[in-house]
N, C-alpha and C. Protein backbone atom coordinates (compact mmCIF):
# COMPACT_ATOMS: atom_id res chain seq x y z
N UNK A 1 69.46 133.01 113.14
CA UNK A 1 69.57 131.95 112.16
C UNK A 1 70.80 132.13 111.29
N UNK A 2 70.82 133.21 110.53
CA UNK A 2 71.96 133.52 109.69
C UNK A 2 72.39 134.95 110.01
N UNK A 3 73.17 135.12 111.06
CA UNK A 3 73.52 136.48 111.48
C UNK A 3 74.34 137.23 110.43
N UNK A 4 74.16 138.52 110.45
CA UNK A 4 74.91 139.40 109.56
C UNK A 4 75.45 140.55 110.39
N UNK A 5 76.52 141.11 109.93
CA UNK A 5 77.17 142.23 110.61
C UNK A 5 76.19 143.38 110.81
N UNK A 6 75.48 143.70 109.78
CA UNK A 6 74.52 144.81 109.81
C UNK A 6 73.41 144.57 110.84
N UNK A 7 72.97 143.33 110.98
CA UNK A 7 71.91 142.99 111.92
C UNK A 7 72.37 143.22 113.35
N UNK A 8 73.58 142.77 113.66
CA UNK A 8 74.12 142.97 115.00
C UNK A 8 74.24 144.46 115.32
N UNK A 9 74.78 145.22 114.39
CA UNK A 9 74.96 146.66 114.62
C UNK A 9 73.63 147.37 114.87
N UNK A 10 72.63 147.05 114.06
CA UNK A 10 71.32 147.69 114.20
C UNK A 10 70.66 147.32 115.53
N UNK A 11 70.75 146.07 115.90
CA UNK A 11 70.14 145.61 117.13
C UNK A 11 70.83 146.21 118.35
N UNK A 12 72.14 146.28 118.31
CA UNK A 12 72.89 146.90 119.41
C UNK A 12 72.53 148.38 119.53
N UNK A 13 72.44 149.07 118.41
CA UNK A 13 72.08 150.49 118.43
C UNK A 13 70.68 150.69 119.00
N UNK A 14 69.75 149.83 118.65
CA UNK A 14 68.40 149.91 119.17
C UNK A 14 68.39 149.73 120.69
N UNK A 15 69.10 148.73 121.17
CA UNK A 15 69.16 148.48 122.61
C UNK A 15 69.84 149.63 123.35
N UNK A 16 70.84 150.24 122.73
CA UNK A 16 71.49 151.40 123.36
C UNK A 16 70.51 152.57 123.48
N UNK A 17 69.72 152.79 122.46
CA UNK A 17 68.73 153.86 122.50
C UNK A 17 67.69 153.61 123.58
N UNK A 18 67.38 152.34 123.82
CA UNK A 18 66.43 151.98 124.86
C UNK A 18 67.06 152.00 126.25
N UNK A 19 68.37 152.06 126.30
CA UNK A 19 69.07 152.11 127.58
C UNK A 19 69.34 150.75 128.21
N UNK A 20 69.25 149.70 127.43
CA UNK A 20 69.49 148.34 127.94
C UNK A 20 70.96 147.97 127.78
N UNK A 21 71.78 148.43 128.71
CA UNK A 21 73.22 148.21 128.62
C UNK A 21 73.57 146.74 128.77
N UNK A 22 72.89 146.05 129.69
CA UNK A 22 73.18 144.63 129.88
C UNK A 22 72.86 143.83 128.62
N UNK A 23 71.79 144.18 127.96
CA UNK A 23 71.43 143.50 126.72
C UNK A 23 72.46 143.80 125.63
N UNK A 24 72.99 145.02 125.61
CA UNK A 24 74.04 145.37 124.64
C UNK A 24 75.28 144.51 124.87
N UNK A 25 75.63 144.31 126.11
CA UNK A 25 76.79 143.47 126.42
C UNK A 25 76.59 142.05 125.90
N UNK A 26 75.39 141.51 126.12
CA UNK A 26 75.08 140.16 125.63
C UNK A 26 75.16 140.11 124.11
N UNK A 27 74.63 141.14 123.46
CA UNK A 27 74.67 141.18 122.00
C UNK A 27 76.10 141.27 121.47
N UNK A 28 76.92 142.10 122.12
CA UNK A 28 78.32 142.19 121.70
C UNK A 28 79.04 140.85 121.90
N UNK A 29 78.73 140.15 122.99
CA UNK A 29 79.34 138.84 123.21
C UNK A 29 78.96 137.87 122.09
N UNK A 30 77.69 137.86 121.72
CA UNK A 30 77.23 136.99 120.63
C UNK A 30 77.86 137.40 119.30
N UNK A 31 77.97 138.70 119.09
CA UNK A 31 78.58 139.24 117.88
C UNK A 31 80.02 138.77 117.77
N UNK A 32 80.76 138.84 118.88
CA UNK A 32 82.16 138.44 118.86
C UNK A 32 82.34 136.93 118.81
N UNK A 33 81.38 136.18 119.31
CA UNK A 33 81.42 134.72 119.13
C UNK A 33 81.26 134.37 117.66
N UNK A 34 80.39 135.12 117.00
CA UNK A 34 80.13 134.87 115.58
C UNK A 34 81.28 135.35 114.71
N UNK A 35 81.88 136.49 115.04
CA UNK A 35 82.95 137.07 114.22
C UNK A 35 84.09 137.56 115.11
N UNK A 36 84.90 136.66 115.64
CA UNK A 36 85.98 137.08 116.54
C UNK A 36 87.09 137.85 115.84
N UNK A 37 87.14 137.83 114.53
CA UNK A 37 88.20 138.53 113.80
C UNK A 37 87.81 139.98 113.48
N UNK A 38 86.62 140.38 113.83
CA UNK A 38 86.11 141.71 113.50
C UNK A 38 86.63 142.74 114.50
N UNK A 39 87.63 143.50 114.13
CA UNK A 39 88.22 144.51 115.01
C UNK A 39 87.23 145.62 115.33
N UNK A 40 86.39 145.97 114.39
CA UNK A 40 85.41 147.02 114.62
C UNK A 40 84.50 146.66 115.81
N UNK A 41 84.07 145.41 115.88
CA UNK A 41 83.19 144.98 116.97
C UNK A 41 83.91 145.05 118.31
N UNK A 42 85.18 144.63 118.34
CA UNK A 42 85.96 144.71 119.58
C UNK A 42 86.09 146.16 120.04
N UNK A 43 86.37 147.04 119.11
CA UNK A 43 86.57 148.45 119.45
C UNK A 43 85.27 149.07 119.95
N UNK A 44 84.16 148.80 119.28
CA UNK A 44 82.87 149.38 119.70
C UNK A 44 82.46 148.86 121.07
N UNK A 45 82.71 147.58 121.35
CA UNK A 45 82.38 147.01 122.65
C UNK A 45 83.23 147.68 123.74
N UNK A 46 84.51 147.85 123.47
CA UNK A 46 85.40 148.51 124.43
C UNK A 46 84.99 149.97 124.63
N UNK A 47 84.58 150.64 123.56
CA UNK A 47 84.13 152.04 123.68
C UNK A 47 82.86 152.14 124.52
N UNK A 48 81.97 151.16 124.39
CA UNK A 48 80.77 151.14 125.21
C UNK A 48 81.14 151.07 126.69
N UNK A 49 82.04 150.15 127.01
CA UNK A 49 82.48 150.01 128.40
C UNK A 49 83.19 151.27 128.89
N UNK A 50 83.92 151.90 128.02
CA UNK A 50 84.62 153.13 128.39
C UNK A 50 83.62 154.24 128.72
N UNK A 51 82.57 154.37 127.93
CA UNK A 51 81.57 155.41 128.19
C UNK A 51 80.81 155.14 129.49
N UNK A 52 80.78 153.87 129.90
CA UNK A 52 80.11 153.52 131.15
C UNK A 52 81.04 153.67 132.36
N UNK A 53 82.31 154.03 132.08
CA UNK A 53 83.27 154.22 133.17
C UNK A 53 83.86 152.93 133.68
N UNK A 54 83.80 151.88 132.90
CA UNK A 54 84.32 150.57 133.28
C UNK A 54 85.74 150.39 132.71
N UNK A 55 86.71 150.97 133.37
CA UNK A 55 88.09 150.94 132.87
C UNK A 55 88.65 149.52 132.85
N UNK A 56 88.36 148.74 133.88
CA UNK A 56 88.89 147.37 133.93
C UNK A 56 88.30 146.51 132.82
N UNK A 57 87.02 146.65 132.57
CA UNK A 57 86.39 145.88 131.49
C UNK A 57 86.95 146.30 130.13
N UNK A 58 87.16 147.61 129.97
CA UNK A 58 87.71 148.11 128.72
C UNK A 58 89.08 147.53 128.47
N UNK A 59 89.93 147.57 129.48
CA UNK A 59 91.28 147.03 129.36
C UNK A 59 91.24 145.52 129.06
N UNK A 60 90.36 144.80 129.76
CA UNK A 60 90.25 143.36 129.54
C UNK A 60 89.78 143.04 128.13
N UNK A 61 88.87 143.84 127.60
CA UNK A 61 88.40 143.62 126.23
C UNK A 61 89.51 143.82 125.21
N UNK A 62 90.28 144.89 125.38
CA UNK A 62 91.39 145.12 124.45
C UNK A 62 92.43 144.01 124.55
N UNK A 63 92.72 143.55 125.76
CA UNK A 63 93.69 142.46 125.91
C UNK A 63 93.18 141.17 125.28
N UNK A 64 91.89 140.89 125.45
CA UNK A 64 91.30 139.71 124.85
C UNK A 64 91.30 139.82 123.32
N UNK A 65 91.01 141.01 122.82
CA UNK A 65 91.01 141.22 121.37
C UNK A 65 92.40 141.00 120.78
N UNK A 66 93.40 141.53 121.46
CA UNK A 66 94.77 141.39 120.96
C UNK A 66 95.22 139.93 120.95
N UNK A 67 94.68 139.14 121.86
CA UNK A 67 95.08 137.73 121.95
C UNK A 67 94.43 136.85 120.88
N UNK A 68 93.49 137.42 120.11
CA UNK A 68 92.84 136.64 119.05
C UNK A 68 93.86 136.32 117.96
N UNK A 69 93.88 135.07 117.50
CA UNK A 69 94.89 134.68 116.50
C UNK A 69 94.68 135.32 115.13
N UNK A 70 93.44 135.60 114.77
CA UNK A 70 93.16 136.16 113.45
C UNK A 70 92.31 137.41 113.62
N UNK A 71 92.86 138.54 113.24
CA UNK A 71 92.11 139.79 113.27
C UNK A 71 92.15 140.43 111.88
N UNK A 72 91.05 141.06 111.48
CA UNK A 72 91.03 141.64 110.14
C UNK A 72 91.82 142.93 110.05
N UNK A 73 91.89 143.72 111.12
CA UNK A 73 92.68 144.97 111.13
C UNK A 73 93.31 145.17 112.50
N UNK A 74 94.35 144.42 112.84
CA UNK A 74 94.92 144.53 114.18
C UNK A 74 95.49 145.92 114.48
N UNK A 75 95.91 146.65 113.45
CA UNK A 75 96.47 147.98 113.68
C UNK A 75 95.41 148.93 114.23
N UNK A 76 94.13 148.69 113.92
CA UNK A 76 93.05 149.53 114.45
C UNK A 76 92.91 149.36 115.94
N UNK A 77 93.13 148.16 116.42
CA UNK A 77 93.08 147.92 117.87
C UNK A 77 94.20 148.64 118.60
N UNK A 78 95.35 148.66 118.01
CA UNK A 78 96.50 149.29 118.67
C UNK A 78 96.34 150.79 118.76
N UNK A 79 95.62 151.39 117.81
CA UNK A 79 95.42 152.84 117.82
C UNK A 79 94.45 153.18 118.91
């Protein structure tokens, strides 16, 4: 209804603890639809894919994040 940053983070963490990786991906997609300027969300999603060994997905996420017109901390993505 009225999503909040904290709600997304908590729900994603819960799903990770349960081992539902596909659900985490869906949640990150919804999170980024809601807040595409949030660099922290882009980085955490890419880190999730990296831990799963998905190098192509990780690279694609970073490229998509960089192409966003408005980011709150673009320097964090570059690091």
